[in-house]
Protein backbone atom coordinates (compact mmCIF):
# COMPACT_ATOMS: atom_id res chain seq x y z
CA MET A 1 -46.02 -63.38 84.74
CA TRP A 2 -43.73 -61.69 82.22
CA GLU A 3 -46.12 -62.52 79.36
CA VAL A 4 -49.06 -60.92 81.17
CA ILE A 5 -47.15 -57.67 81.74
CA MET A 6 -45.99 -57.67 78.12
CA MET A 7 -49.56 -58.11 76.84
CA LYS A 8 -50.66 -55.23 79.06
CA HIS A 9 -48.16 -52.98 77.27
CA VAL A 10 -49.35 -54.26 73.89
CA TYR A 11 -52.96 -53.42 74.77
CA GLN A 12 -51.97 -49.98 76.03
CA THR A 13 -50.07 -49.28 72.83
CA ALA A 14 -52.99 -50.47 70.69
CA ALA A 15 -55.39 -48.27 72.65
CA LEU A 16 -53.14 -45.24 72.10
CA ILE A 17 -52.89 -45.98 68.37
CA PHE A 18 -56.67 -46.26 68.04
CA MET A 19 -57.12 -43.09 70.09
CA GLY A 20 -54.75 -41.25 67.75
CA LEU A 21 -56.65 -42.57 64.75
CA GLY A 22 -59.94 -41.45 66.26
CA ILE A 23 -58.61 -37.96 66.94
CA TYR A 24 -57.24 -37.77 63.39
CA ILE A 25 -60.61 -38.79 61.91
CA LEU A 26 -62.40 -36.30 64.15
CA TRP A 27 -59.97 -33.52 63.16
CA GLU A 28 -60.36 -34.23 59.46
CA GLY A 29 -64.13 -34.31 59.87
CA LEU A 30 -63.95 -30.75 61.16
CA ASN A 31 -62.48 -29.65 57.81
CA LEU A 32 -65.69 -30.74 56.06
CA ARG A 33 -69.10 -29.14 56.34
CA TYR A 34 -70.85 -30.48 59.42
CA TYR A 35 -74.35 -29.44 58.43
CA THR A 36 -75.95 -28.16 55.23
CA THR A 37 -79.33 -26.66 54.45
CA ILE A 38 -80.77 -30.07 53.57
CA GLY A 39 -79.33 -32.01 56.50
CA PRO A 40 -76.07 -33.48 57.78
CA GLY A 41 -73.07 -32.64 55.64
CA ALA A 42 -69.99 -34.62 54.69
CA GLY A 43 -68.29 -33.93 58.01
CA PHE A 44 -71.10 -35.21 60.22
CA LEU A 45 -70.27 -38.93 60.11
CA PRO A 46 -66.45 -38.64 60.32
CA PHE A 47 -66.75 -36.29 63.29
CA TRP A 48 -68.91 -38.64 65.31
CA VAL A 49 -67.08 -41.81 64.28
CA GLY A 50 -63.78 -40.21 65.29
CA ALA A 51 -65.20 -38.99 68.58
CA PHE A 52 -66.72 -42.40 69.33
CA LEU A 53 -63.46 -44.19 68.49
CA ALA A 54 -61.38 -41.82 70.61
CA VAL A 55 -63.68 -42.12 73.65
CA LEU A 56 -63.86 -45.91 73.45
CA SER A 57 -60.07 -46.08 73.09
CA LEU A 58 -59.67 -43.90 76.17
CA ILE A 59 -62.00 -46.21 78.12
CA TRP A 60 -60.01 -49.22 76.92
CA LEU A 61 -56.72 -47.56 77.91
CA VAL A 62 -57.98 -46.78 81.41
CA GLN A 63 -59.40 -50.28 81.80
CA VAL A 64 -56.15 -51.95 80.77
CA SER A 65 -53.95 -49.58 82.78
CA TYR A 66 -55.80 -50.13 86.06
CA GLN A 67 -56.34 -53.85 85.59
CA ARG A 68 -54.68 -56.08 88.18
CA VAL A 69 -51.93 -58.31 86.92
CA SER A 70 -52.75 -61.90 87.86
CA GLY A 71 -50.16 -64.57 88.40
CA GLY A 72 -51.42 -66.68 85.51
CA ALA A 73 -52.65 -70.27 85.60
């Protein structure tokens, strides 16, 4: 039982780290040009990759946080 609770905390911490990384990538993407006259600029891909990573990390964090702790085998 203790191992299951410990792994839950590990997953929550990993989700928070990935969410922070996603927000950082998104923020840095905002410092670049999002769109130019010929099409997407240098900030287009980092913005959306960061946003995607942050949203998926949030979903993972919610999923792990509200998951029932089973008794094991």
